[in-house]
Amino acid sequence: MTKLAVLASALVTASLFSSSVRATEGGGGVYPNGAEGYMAGALPPAGLYYQNFLNHYTVDRLNDADGHNSGVKINLQASADVSRFIYMTHYQLLGADYGVYTTIPLVHISGSLQAGSTDINSSVSGLGDISFAPIMLGWHFTNWHFGAALEFTAPTVEYNQYRFANPGRNYWVTTPVFVATYLNNGFEASGKFMYDINAKNDDTDYKSGQEFHFDYALGYHLANYTLGVAGYYYQQTTDDKVGGVVYQDGYKGKAFAIGPAVKIDGQMGSLELRYQKEVTAENRPEGDKFWVKVTLPL
């Protein structure tokens, strides 16, 4: 098959809490671009919190390195129910509130591909790779809120390189994270900035390139509502390698998405709804995402 057909046939090897499928091995990564939105930089006060992310991602187009439709016929439906547990302590470090978190995804992916005479169909459900951050720091000022974390994603689920669908990546990922929120007179600008450093998949001898990506949200607060737009930008920064040799000119991906967003704050927590359209994509699929995010104190 062609390079693009190989990418398409490997799409469902991604764990869906990496629902933003991209270049890199199997066309996937460990983070679902677009997951964070409003008040991303404002870490909560001391206590235990639960966040639930419901995500549905649909793909019917696979783009080449120039961002054009490759012509490969693809249909991908990917859904995830992701739980994140956050614990903010009463301690401080470097003048910041100190906390920890872990993220546990449940995924379902089904897809079909037709590339030339090749027809592939597959479906997979199960636990995805688990992420955890042993250190998370939050700073708060009059109009600014900042946070930083060091996150690790572990290859915690079964992997079979000969299987079309895999719910996990089969390698460790280290991700420095920085979040920020600016809030003034009802206007808000929030962002979550990440840099993924991928280890090698020992089963396939494939090392995915490093990835820079950020989620963003712009909005205006009206009573208990926040209305505006949200999305993400993604750029692979280093080459993919197989056996230590650069693969297919590095196989770097790029994408940008935007769409409407609304957040509703209540006495028991908050609810956030988002739709995101991938308006540009290179070396990766182009599709649509729907998000429902719930945050609750425990």
C-alpha atoms as a PDB file:
ATOM      1  CA  MET A   1       0.000   0.000   0.000  1.00  0.00           C
ATOM      2  CA  THR A   2       1.015   3.650  -0.314  1.00  0.00           C
ATOM      3  CA  LYS A   3       2.344   5.620   2.633  1.00  0.00           C
ATOM      4  CA  LEU A   4      -1.050   7.273   3.142  1.00  0.00           C
ATOM      5  CA  ALA A   5      -2.859   3.964   2.910  1.00  0.00           C
ATOM      6  CA  VAL A   6      -0.541   2.547   5.572  1.00  0.00           C
ATOM      7  CA  LEU A   7      -1.369   5.520   7.796  1.00  0.00           C
ATOM      8  CA  ALA A   8      -5.073   5.049   7.248  1.00  0.00           C
ATOM      9  CA  SER A   9      -4.970   1.333   7.931  1.00  0.00           C
ATOM     10  CA  ALA A  10      -3.204   2.038  11.203  1.00  0.00           C
ATOM     11  CA  LEU A  11      -5.556   4.749  12.445  1.00  0.00           C
ATOM     12  CA  VAL A  12      -7.428   2.540  14.845  1.00  0.00           C
ATOM     13  CA  THR A  13      -4.238   1.433  16.565  1.00  0.00           C
ATOM     14  CA  ALA A  14      -4.358   4.729  18.451  1.00  0.00           C
ATOM     15  CA  SER A  15      -5.760   4.783  21.936  1.00  0.00           C
ATOM     16  CA  LEU A  16      -8.703   7.088  21.711  1.00  0.00           C
ATOM     17  CA  PHE A  17      -7.770   9.330  24.464  1.00  0.00           C
ATOM     18  CA  SER A  18      -5.511  10.262  21.567  1.00  0.00           C
ATOM     19  CA  SER A  19      -8.468  10.837  19.370  1.00  0.00           C
ATOM     20  CA  SER A  20      -6.707  13.519  17.382  1.00  0.00           C
ATOM     21  CA  VAL A  21      -5.076  10.997  15.069  1.00  0.00           C
ATOM     22  CA  ARG A  22      -1.919  12.263  13.408  1.00  0.00           C
ATOM     23  CA  ALA A  23       1.351  11.304  11.737  1.00  0.00           C
ATOM     24  CA  THR A  24       3.636   9.325  14.100  1.00  0.00           C
ATOM     25  CA  GLU A  25       3.342   5.564  14.346  1.00  0.00           C
ATOM     26  CA  GLY A  26      -0.153   4.349  13.596  1.00  0.00           C
ATOM     27  CA  GLY A  27      -1.281   7.923  13.021  1.00  0.00           C
ATOM     28  CA  GLY A  28      -1.957   8.523  16.716  1.00  0.00           C
ATOM     29  CA  GLY A  29      -0.642  10.038  19.917  1.00  0.00           C
ATOM     30  CA  VAL A  30      -1.385  10.040  23.626  1.00  0.00           C
ATOM     31  CA  TYR A  31      -3.304  13.330  23.953  1.00  0.00           C
ATOM     32  CA  PRO A  32      -6.693  14.213  22.457  1.00  0.00           C
ATOM     33  CA  ASN A  33      -6.151  17.655  20.996  1.00  0.00           C
ATOM     34  CA  GLY A  34      -8.934  20.023  21.982  1.00  0.00           C
ATOM     35  CA  ALA A  35      -9.748  18.385  25.324  1.00  0.00           C
ATOM     36  CA  GLU A  36      -9.185  21.505  27.425  1.00  0.00           C
ATOM     37  CA  GLY A  37     -11.144  24.743  27.140  1.00  0.00           C
ATOM     38  CA  TYR A  38     -12.191  27.535  29.478  1.00  0.00           C
ATOM     39  CA  MET A  39     -10.314  28.298  32.713  1.00  0.00           C
ATOM     40  CA  ALA A  40      -7.607  25.795  31.769  1.00  0.00           C
ATOM     41  CA  GLY A  41      -4.982  27.733  33.739  1.00  0.00           C
ATOM     42  CA  ALA A  42      -7.038  28.221  36.919  1.00  0.00           C
ATOM     43  CA  LEU A  43      -6.275  25.162  39.036  1.00  0.00           C
ATOM     44  CA  PRO A  44      -8.864  24.575  41.804  1.00  0.00           C
ATOM     45  CA  PRO A  45      -8.335  25.062  45.555  1.00  0.00           C
ATOM     46  CA  ALA A  46      -7.310  22.225  47.860  1.00  0.00           C
ATOM     47  CA  GLY A  47      -9.510  19.155  47.546  1.00  0.00           C
ATOM     48  CA  LEU A  48     -10.383  16.161  45.361  1.00  0.00           C
ATOM     49  CA  TYR A  49     -12.023  16.720  41.967  1.00  0.00           C
ATOM     50  CA  TYR A  50     -13.427  14.555  39.199  1.00  0.00           C
ATOM     51  CA  GLN A  51     -13.544  15.460  35.508  1.00  0.00           C
ATOM     52  CA  ASN A  52     -15.273  13.441  32.819  1.00  0.00           C
ATOM     53  CA  PHE A  53     -14.574  13.972  29.124  1.00  0.00           C
ATOM     54  CA  LEU A  54     -16.939  12.519  26.529  1.00  0.00           C
ATOM     55  CA  ASN A  55     -15.536  12.781  23.024  1.00  0.00           C
ATOM     56  CA  HIS A  56     -16.714  11.688  19.580  1.00  0.00           C
ATOM     57  CA  TYR A  57     -14.441  12.083  16.547  1.00  0.00           C
ATOM     58  CA  THR A  58     -15.524  11.446  12.947  1.00  0.00           C
ATOM     59  CA  VAL A  59     -13.175  11.246   9.952  1.00  0.00           C
ATOM     60  CA  ASP A  60     -13.990  10.830   6.262  1.00  0.00           C
ATOM     61  CA  ARG A  61     -10.889  12.378   4.705  1.00  0.00           C
ATOM     62  CA  LEU A  62      -7.148  11.639   4.816  1.00  0.00           C
ATOM     63  CA  ASN A  63      -4.827  14.468   3.761  1.00  0.00           C
ATOM     64  CA  ASP A  64      -1.374  14.281   2.210  1.00  0.00           C
ATOM     65  CA  ALA A  65       1.731  16.311   3.101  1.00  0.00           C
ATOM     66  CA  ASP A  66       0.355  19.330   1.192  1.00  0.00           C
ATOM     67  CA  GLY A  67      -2.985  19.279   3.005  1.00  0.00           C
ATOM     68  CA  HIS A  68      -4.884  17.930  -0.022  1.00  0.00           C
ATOM     69  CA  ASN A  69      -7.321  15.034  -0.010  1.00  0.00           C
ATOM     70  CA  SER A  70      -5.297  11.887  -0.678  1.00  0.00           C
ATOM     71  CA  GLY A  71      -8.229  10.102  -2.323  1.00  0.00           C
ATOM     72  CA  VAL A  72      -8.076   7.243   0.160  1.00  0.00           C
ATOM     73  CA  LYS A  73     -11.624   6.276   1.150  1.00  0.00           C
ATOM     74  CA  ILE A  74     -11.842   6.263   4.931  1.00  0.00           C
ATOM     75  CA  ASN A  75     -14.566   6.311   7.545  1.00  0.00           C
ATOM     76  CA  LEU A  76     -13.536   6.485  11.198  1.00  0.00           C
ATOM     77  CA  GLN A  77     -15.830   6.769  14.224  1.00  0.00           C
ATOM     78  CA  ALA A  78     -14.025   7.110  17.535  1.00  0.00           C
ATOM     79  CA  SER A  79     -15.545   7.672  20.981  1.00  0.00           C
ATOM     80  CA  ALA A  80     -14.051   7.954  24.451  1.00  0.00           C
ATOM     81  CA  ASP A  81     -15.205   8.279  28.042  1.00  0.00           C
ATOM     82  CA  VAL A  82     -12.254   9.621  29.982  1.00  0.00           C
ATOM     83  CA  SER A  83     -12.010  10.064  33.750  1.00  0.00           C
ATOM     84  CA  ARG A  84      -9.518  12.445  35.339  1.00  0.00           C
ATOM     85  CA  PHE A  85      -8.981  12.591  39.109  1.00  0.00           C
ATOM     86  CA  ILE A  86      -7.292  15.715  40.478  1.00  0.00           C
ATOM     87  CA  TYR A  87      -6.031  16.146  44.045  1.00  0.00           C
ATOM     88  CA  MET A  88      -4.858  19.572  45.161  1.00  0.00           C
ATOM     89  CA  THR A  89      -3.009  19.508  48.477  1.00  0.00           C
ATOM     90  CA  HIS A  90      -2.658  22.205  51.135  1.00  0.00           C
ATOM     91  CA  TYR A  91       1.088  22.366  50.417  1.00  0.00           C
ATOM     92  CA  GLN A  92       2.994  24.838  48.306  1.00  0.00           C
ATOM     93  CA  LEU A  93       6.126  24.512  46.168  1.00  0.00           C
ATOM     94  CA  LEU A  94       7.921  27.444  44.522  1.00  0.00           C
ATOM     95  CA  GLY A  95       5.095  29.683  45.680  1.00  0.00           C
ATOM     96  CA  ALA A  96       2.501  27.551  43.912  1.00  0.00           C
ATOM     97  CA  ASP A  97      -0.286  25.260  45.066  1.00  0.00           C
ATOM     98  CA  TYR A  98       0.807  21.617  44.706  1.00  0.00           C
ATOM     99  CA  GLY A  99      -1.331  18.810  43.296  1.00  0.00           C
ATOM    100  CA  VAL A 100      -1.365  15.531  41.348  1.00  0.00           C
ATOM    101  CA  TYR A 101      -3.701  13.903  38.813  1.00  0.00           C
ATOM    102  CA  THR A 102      -4.322  10.762  36.803  1.00  0.00           C
ATOM    103  CA  THR A 103      -6.290  10.190  33.582  1.00  0.00           C
ATOM    104  CA  ILE A 104      -8.008   6.894  32.693  1.00  0.00           C
ATOM    105  CA  PRO A 105      -9.585   6.470  29.223  1.00  0.00           C
ATOM    106  CA  LEU A 106     -12.191   3.985  27.998  1.00  0.00           C
ATOM    107  CA  VAL A 107     -12.294   3.876  24.203  1.00  0.00           C
ATOM    108  CA  HIS A 108     -14.282   2.558  21.259  1.00  0.00           C
ATOM    109  CA  ILE A 109     -12.990   2.891  17.699  1.00  0.00           C
ATOM    110  CA  SER A 110     -14.509   1.533  14.499  1.00  0.00           C
ATOM    111  CA  GLY A 111     -13.272   2.221  11.001  1.00  0.00           C
ATOM    112  CA  SER A 112     -13.202   1.194   7.388  1.00  0.00           C
ATOM    113  CA  LEU A 113     -10.661   1.907   4.671  1.00  0.00           C
ATOM    114  CA  GLN A 114     -10.531   1.377   0.937  1.00  0.00           C
ATOM    115  CA  ALA A 115      -7.197   2.046  -0.752  1.00  0.00           C
ATOM    116  CA  GLY A 116      -7.059   0.642  -4.266  1.00  0.00           C
ATOM    117  CA  SER A 117      -8.070  -3.006  -4.030  1.00  0.00           C
ATOM    118  CA  THR A 118      -7.528  -3.095  -0.264  1.00  0.00           C
ATOM    119  CA  ASP A 119     -10.593  -3.083   2.014  1.00  0.00           C
ATOM    120  CA  ILE A 120     -10.085  -3.038   5.778  1.00  0.00           C
ATOM    121  CA  ASN A 121     -12.676  -2.972   8.560  1.00  0.00           C
ATOM    122  CA  SER A 122     -12.014  -3.086  12.272  1.00  0.00           C
ATOM    123  CA  SER A 123     -13.448  -2.265  15.678  1.00  0.00           C
ATOM    124  CA  VAL A 124     -11.903  -2.137  19.150  1.00  0.00           C
ATOM    125  CA  SER A 125     -13.123  -1.278  22.652  1.00  0.00           C
ATOM    126  CA  GLY A 126     -11.414  -1.221  26.002  1.00  0.00           C
ATOM    127  CA  LEU A 127      -9.095   0.554  28.399  1.00  0.00           C
ATOM    128  CA  GLY A 128      -6.575   2.985  26.912  1.00  0.00           C
ATOM    129  CA  ASP A 129      -3.123   3.921  28.196  1.00  0.00           C
ATOM    130  CA  ILE A 130      -3.201   5.640  31.615  1.00  0.00           C
ATOM    131  CA  SER A 131      -1.546   9.022  32.226  1.00  0.00           C
ATOM    132  CA  PHE A 132      -0.441  10.485  35.564  1.00  0.00           C
ATOM    133  CA  ALA A 133       1.269  13.634  36.815  1.00  0.00           C
ATOM    134  CA  PRO A 134       3.170  13.323  40.127  1.00  0.00           C
ATOM    135  CA  ILE A 135       3.681  17.092  40.167  1.00  0.00           C
ATOM    136  CA  MET A 136       1.266  19.879  39.232  1.00  0.00           C
ATOM    137  CA  LEU A 137       1.727  23.506  40.315  1.00  0.00           C
ATOM    138  CA  GLY A 138      -0.721  26.402  40.205  1.00  0.00           C
ATOM    139  CA  TRP A 139      -0.132  30.155  40.618  1.00  0.00           C
ATOM    140  CA  HIS A 140      -2.927  32.737  40.963  1.00  0.00           C
ATOM    141  CA  PHE A 141      -2.782  36.510  40.386  1.00  0.00           C
ATOM    142  CA  THR A 142      -5.369  39.275  39.884  1.00  0.00           C
ATOM    143  CA  ASN A 143      -6.060  38.674  36.189  1.00  0.00           C
ATOM    144  CA  TRP A 144      -3.738  35.761  35.472  1.00  0.00           C
ATOM    145  CA  HIS A 145      -3.707  32.112  36.481  1.00  0.00           C
ATOM    146  CA  PHE A 146      -0.838  29.767  35.566  1.00  0.00           C
ATOM    147  CA  GLY A 147      -0.133  26.082  35.983  1.00  0.00           C
ATOM    148  CA  ALA A 148       2.586  23.579  35.120  1.00  0.00           C
ATOM    149  CA  ALA A 149       2.826  19.809  35.301  1.00  0.00           C
ATOM    150  CA  LEU A 150       5.020  16.915  34.261  1.00  0.00           C
ATOM    151  CA  GLU A 151       2.852  14.139  32.840  1.00  0.00           C
ATOM    152  CA  PHE A 152       3.762  10.549  32.015  1.00  0.00           C
ATOM    153  CA  THR A 153       1.734   8.138  29.893  1.00  0.00           C
ATOM    154  CA  ALA A 154       2.413   4.456  30.513  1.00  0.00           C
ATOM    155  CA  PRO A 155       1.877   1.543  28.062  1.00  0.00           C
ATOM    156  CA  THR A 156      -0.646  -0.065  30.383  1.00  0.00           C
ATOM    157  CA  VAL A 157      -2.751  -2.085  27.937  1.00  0.00           C
ATOM    158  CA  GLU A 158      -2.176  -5.114  25.726  1.00  0.00           C
ATOM    159  CA  TYR A 159      -0.531  -4.425  22.361  1.00  0.00           C
ATOM    160  CA  ASN A 160      -0.134  -6.665  19.307  1.00  0.00           C
ATOM    161  CA  GLN A 161       1.786  -5.260  16.340  1.00  0.00           C
ATOM    162  CA  TYR A 162       0.020  -7.688  13.975  1.00  0.00           C
ATOM    163  CA  ARG A 163      -3.444  -6.629  15.073  1.00  0.00           C
ATOM    164  CA  PHE A 164      -5.254  -3.959  13.082  1.00  0.00           C
ATOM    165  CA  ALA A 165      -6.779  -2.335  16.181  1.00  0.00           C
ATOM    166  CA  ASN A 166      -4.906  -1.622  19.406  1.00  0.00           C
ATOM    167  CA  PRO A 167      -6.209   0.482  22.303  1.00  0.00           C
ATOM    168  CA  GLY A 168      -2.703   1.510  23.429  1.00  0.00           C
ATOM    169  CA  ARG A 169       0.572   2.884  22.061  1.00  0.00           C
ATOM    170  CA  ASN A 170       3.100   0.411  23.576  1.00  0.00           C
ATOM    171  CA  TYR A 171       5.604   3.100  24.562  1.00  0.00           C
ATOM    172  CA  TRP A 172       6.140   5.664  27.294  1.00  0.00           C
ATOM    173  CA  VAL A 173       5.491   9.350  26.664  1.00  0.00           C
ATOM    174  CA  THR A 174       6.802  12.248  28.774  1.00  0.00           C
ATOM    175  CA  THR A 175       4.904  15.533  28.470  1.00  0.00           C
ATOM    176  CA  PRO A 176       5.778  18.875  30.084  1.00  0.00           C
ATOM    177  CA  VAL A 177       2.538  20.876  30.394  1.00  0.00           C
ATOM    178  CA  PHE A 178       1.950  24.616  30.847  1.00  0.00           C
ATOM    179  CA  VAL A 179      -1.514  26.190  31.246  1.00  0.00           C
ATOM    180  CA  ALA A 180      -2.581  29.836  31.440  1.00  0.00           C
ATOM    181  CA  THR A 181      -5.788  31.837  31.809  1.00  0.00           C
ATOM    182  CA  TYR A 182      -6.270  35.597  31.451  1.00  0.00           C
ATOM    183  CA  LEU A 183      -9.553  36.941  32.813  1.00  0.00           C
ATOM    184  CA  ASN A 184     -10.491  40.644  32.809  1.00  0.00           C
ATOM    185  CA  ASN A 185     -13.904  42.379  32.756  1.00  0.00           C
ATOM    186  CA  GLY A 186     -15.605  39.197  31.588  1.00  0.00           C
ATOM    187  CA  PHE A 187     -13.176  38.448  28.749  1.00  0.00           C
ATOM    188  CA  GLU A 188     -11.237  35.194  28.960  1.00  0.00           C
ATOM    189  CA  ALA A 189      -8.307  33.746  27.033  1.00  0.00           C
ATOM    190  CA  SER A 190      -7.081  30.292  28.079  1.00  0.00           C
ATOM    191  CA  GLY A 191      -4.489  27.878  26.707  1.00  0.00           C
ATOM    192  CA  LYS A 192      -2.903  24.523  27.472  1.00  0.00           C
ATOM    193  CA  PHE A 193       0.558  24.016  25.922  1.00  0.00           C
ATOM    194  CA  MET A 194       2.174  20.570  25.697  1.00  0.00           C
ATOM    195  CA  TYR A 195       5.295  18.938  24.274  1.00  0.00           C
ATOM    196  CA  ASP A 196       5.241  15.140  23.836  1.00  0.00           C
ATOM    197  CA  ILE A 197       8.542  13.242  23.997  1.00  0.00           C
ATOM    198  CA  ASN A 198       7.858   9.735  22.695  1.00  0.00           C
ATOM    199  CA  ALA A 199       9.913   6.660  23.538  1.00  0.00           C
ATOM    200  CA  LYS A 200      10.485   3.853  21.035  1.00  0.00           C
ATOM    201  CA  ASN A 201       7.994   1.061  20.444  1.00  0.00           C
ATOM    202  CA  ASP A 202      10.223  -1.956  21.081  1.00  0.00           C
ATOM    203  CA  ASP A 203       7.862  -4.338  19.263  1.00  0.00           C
ATOM    204  CA  THR A 204       8.067  -2.425  15.976  1.00  0.00           C
ATOM    205  CA  ASP A 205      11.398  -0.531  16.392  1.00  0.00           C
ATOM    206  CA  TYR A 206       9.438   2.625  15.477  1.00  0.00           C
ATOM    207  CA  LYS A 207      10.135   5.928  17.258  1.00  0.00           C
ATOM    208  CA  SER A 208       7.496   8.600  16.719  1.00  0.00           C
ATOM    209  CA  GLY A 209       8.625  12.203  16.428  1.00  0.00           C
ATOM    210  CA  GLN A 210       8.189  14.777  19.172  1.00  0.00           C
ATOM    211  CA  GLU A 211       4.999  16.833  19.129  1.00  0.00           C
ATOM    212  CA  PHE A 212       4.085  20.407  20.118  1.00  0.00           C
ATOM    213  CA  HIS A 213       0.400  21.170  20.512  1.00  0.00           C
ATOM    214  CA  PHE A 214      -1.894  23.522  22.365  1.00  0.00           C
ATOM    215  CA  ASP A 215      -5.591  23.853  23.125  1.00  0.00           C
ATOM    216  CA  TYR A 216      -7.103  27.341  23.254  1.00  0.00           C
ATOM    217  CA  ALA A 217     -10.373  28.991  24.260  1.00  0.00           C
ATOM    218  CA  LEU A 218     -11.566  32.594  23.849  1.00  0.00           C
ATOM    219  CA  GLY A 219     -14.811  33.699  25.419  1.00  0.00           C
ATOM    220  CA  TYR A 220     -16.905  36.176  27.365  1.00  0.00           C
ATOM    221  CA  HIS A 221     -18.502  35.514  30.757  1.00  0.00           C
ATOM    222  CA  LEU A 222     -22.212  36.332  31.108  1.00  0.00           C
ATOM    223  CA  ALA A 223     -23.520  35.445  34.583  1.00  0.00           C
ATOM    224  CA  ASN A 224     -23.024  31.632  34.827  1.00  0.00           C
ATOM    225  CA  TYR A 225     -22.292  31.213  31.119  1.00  0.00           C
ATOM    226  CA  THR A 226     -19.102  31.540  29.083  1.00  0.00           C
ATOM    227  CA  LEU A 227     -19.587  31.825  25.309  1.00  0.00           C
ATOM    228  CA  GLY A 228     -16.976  31.862  22.572  1.00  0.00           C
ATOM    229  CA  VAL A 229     -14.710  29.662  20.457  1.00  0.00           C
ATOM    230  CA  ALA A 230     -12.210  26.912  21.203  1.00  0.00           C
ATOM    231  CA  GLY A 231      -9.893  24.607  19.296  1.00  0.00           C
ATOM    232  CA  TYR A 232      -6.300  23.472  18.960  1.00  0.00           C
ATOM    233  CA  TYR A 233      -3.072  23.644  16.983  1.00  0.00           C
ATOM    234  CA  TYR A 234      -0.771  20.672  16.412  1.00  0.00           C
ATOM    235  CA  GLN A 235       2.730  20.487  14.900  1.00  0.00           C
ATOM    236  CA  GLN A 236       5.085  17.519  14.862  1.00  0.00           C
ATOM    237  CA  THR A 237       8.590  18.906  15.405  1.00  0.00           C
ATOM    238  CA  THR A 238      10.981  15.990  14.809  1.00  0.00           C
ATOM    239  CA  ASP A 239      11.122  13.068  12.377  1.00  0.00           C
ATOM    240  CA  ASP A 240       9.628   9.621  12.747  1.00  0.00           C
ATOM    241  CA  LYS A 241      12.302   6.914  12.665  1.00  0.00           C
ATOM    242  CA  VAL A 242      12.312   3.165  12.080  1.00  0.00           C
ATOM    243  CA  GLY A 243      15.413   1.296  13.187  1.00  0.00           C
ATOM    244  CA  GLY A 244      17.092   4.656  13.779  1.00  0.00           C
ATOM    245  CA  VAL A 245      16.550   5.742  10.144  1.00  0.00           C
ATOM    246  CA  VAL A 246      14.266   8.656   9.201  1.00  0.00           C
ATOM    247  CA  TYR A 247      10.951   7.320   7.888  1.00  0.00           C
ATOM    248  CA  GLN A 248       9.289   8.773   4.782  1.00  0.00           C
ATOM    249  CA  ASP A 249      10.985  12.213   4.951  1.00  0.00           C
ATOM    250  CA  GLY A 250      10.105  12.437   8.650  1.00  0.00           C
ATOM    251  CA  TYR A 251       6.347  11.978   8.165  1.00  0.00           C
ATOM    252  CA  LYS A 252       5.497  15.157  10.107  1.00  0.00           C
ATOM    253  CA  GLY A 253       1.881  16.108  10.752  1.00  0.00           C
ATOM    254  CA  LYS A 254       0.156  19.462  11.271  1.00  0.00           C
ATOM    255  CA  ALA A 255      -3.414  20.525  12.080  1.00  0.00           C
ATOM    256  CA  PHE A 256      -5.576  23.433  13.205  1.00  0.00           C
ATOM    257  CA  ALA A 257      -9.159  23.282  14.509  1.00  0.00           C
ATOM    258  CA  ILE A 258     -11.747  25.809  15.671  1.00  0.00           C
ATOM    259  CA  GLY A 259     -15.413  25.833  16.691  1.00  0.00           C
ATOM    260  CA  PRO A 260     -18.039  27.176  19.090  1.00  0.00           C
ATOM    261  CA  ALA A 261     -17.879  26.522  22.832  1.00  0.00           C
ATOM    262  CA  VAL A 262     -20.077  27.156  25.852  1.00  0.00           C
ATOM    263  CA  LYS A 263     -19.431  26.603  29.571  1.00  0.00           C
ATOM    264  CA  ILE A 264     -22.124  26.571  32.257  1.00  0.00           C
ATOM    265  CA  ASP A 265     -21.134  26.991  35.925  1.00  0.00           C
ATOM    266  CA  GLY A 266     -23.427  25.684  38.649  1.00  0.00           C
ATOM    267  CA  GLN A 267     -23.354  25.161  42.396  1.00  0.00           C
ATOM    268  CA  MET A 268     -22.235  21.533  42.031  1.00  0.00           C
ATOM    269  CA  GLY A 269     -19.676  22.007  39.253  1.00  0.00           C
ATOM    270  CA  SER A 270     -19.466  22.944  35.590  1.00  0.00           C
ATOM    271  CA  LEU A 271     -20.521  21.656  32.170  1.00  0.00           C
ATOM    272  CA  GLU A 272     -18.689  22.495  28.932  1.00  0.00           C
ATOM    273  CA  LEU A 273     -19.846  21.750  25.359  1.00  0.00           C
ATOM    274  CA  ARG A 274     -17.624  22.133  22.293  1.00  0.00           C
ATOM    275  CA  TYR A 275     -17.640  21.395  18.576  1.00  0.00           C
ATOM    276  CA  GLN A 276     -14.319  21.559  16.703  1.00  0.00           C
ATOM    277  CA  LYS A 277     -13.747  21.455  12.957  1.00  0.00           C
ATOM    278  CA  GLU A 278     -10.299  20.574  11.659  1.00  0.00           C
ATOM    279  CA  VAL A 279      -9.966  23.242   8.970  1.00  0.00           C
ATOM    280  CA  THR A 280      -6.412  22.321   7.941  1.00  0.00           C
ATOM    281  CA  ALA A 281      -4.465  19.070   8.229  1.00  0.00           C
ATOM    282  CA  GLU A 282      -1.261  17.694   6.711  1.00  0.00           C
ATOM    283  CA  ASN A 283      -0.099  14.055   6.769  1.00  0.00           C
ATOM    284  CA  ARG A 284      -3.128  13.135   8.872  1.00  0.00           C
ATOM    285  CA  PRO A 285      -6.912  12.796   8.860  1.00  0.00           C
ATOM    286  CA  GLU A 286      -9.244  15.790   8.802  1.00  0.00           C
ATOM    287  CA  GLY A 287     -12.476  15.510  10.744  1.00  0.00           C
ATOM    288  CA  ASP A 288     -14.896  16.828  13.368  1.00  0.00           C
ATOM    289  CA  LYS A 289     -14.897  16.541  17.161  1.00  0.00           C
ATOM    290  CA  PHE A 290     -17.642  16.857  19.734  1.00  0.00           C
ATOM    291  CA  TRP A 291     -16.807  17.334  23.423  1.00  0.00           C
ATOM    292  CA  VAL A 292     -18.764  17.223  26.683  1.00  0.00           C
ATOM    293  CA  LYS A 293     -16.707  18.025  29.791  1.00  0.00           C
ATOM    294  CA  VAL A 294     -18.009  17.829  33.362  1.00  0.00           C
ATOM    295  CA  THR A 295     -16.076  18.981  36.463  1.00  0.00           C
ATOM    296  CA  LEU A 296     -17.255  18.064  39.963  1.00  0.00           C
ATOM    297  CA  PRO A 297     -15.756  18.446  43.450  1.00  0.00           C
ATOM    298  CA  LEU A 298     -15.752  15.200  45.466  1.00  0.00           C
END
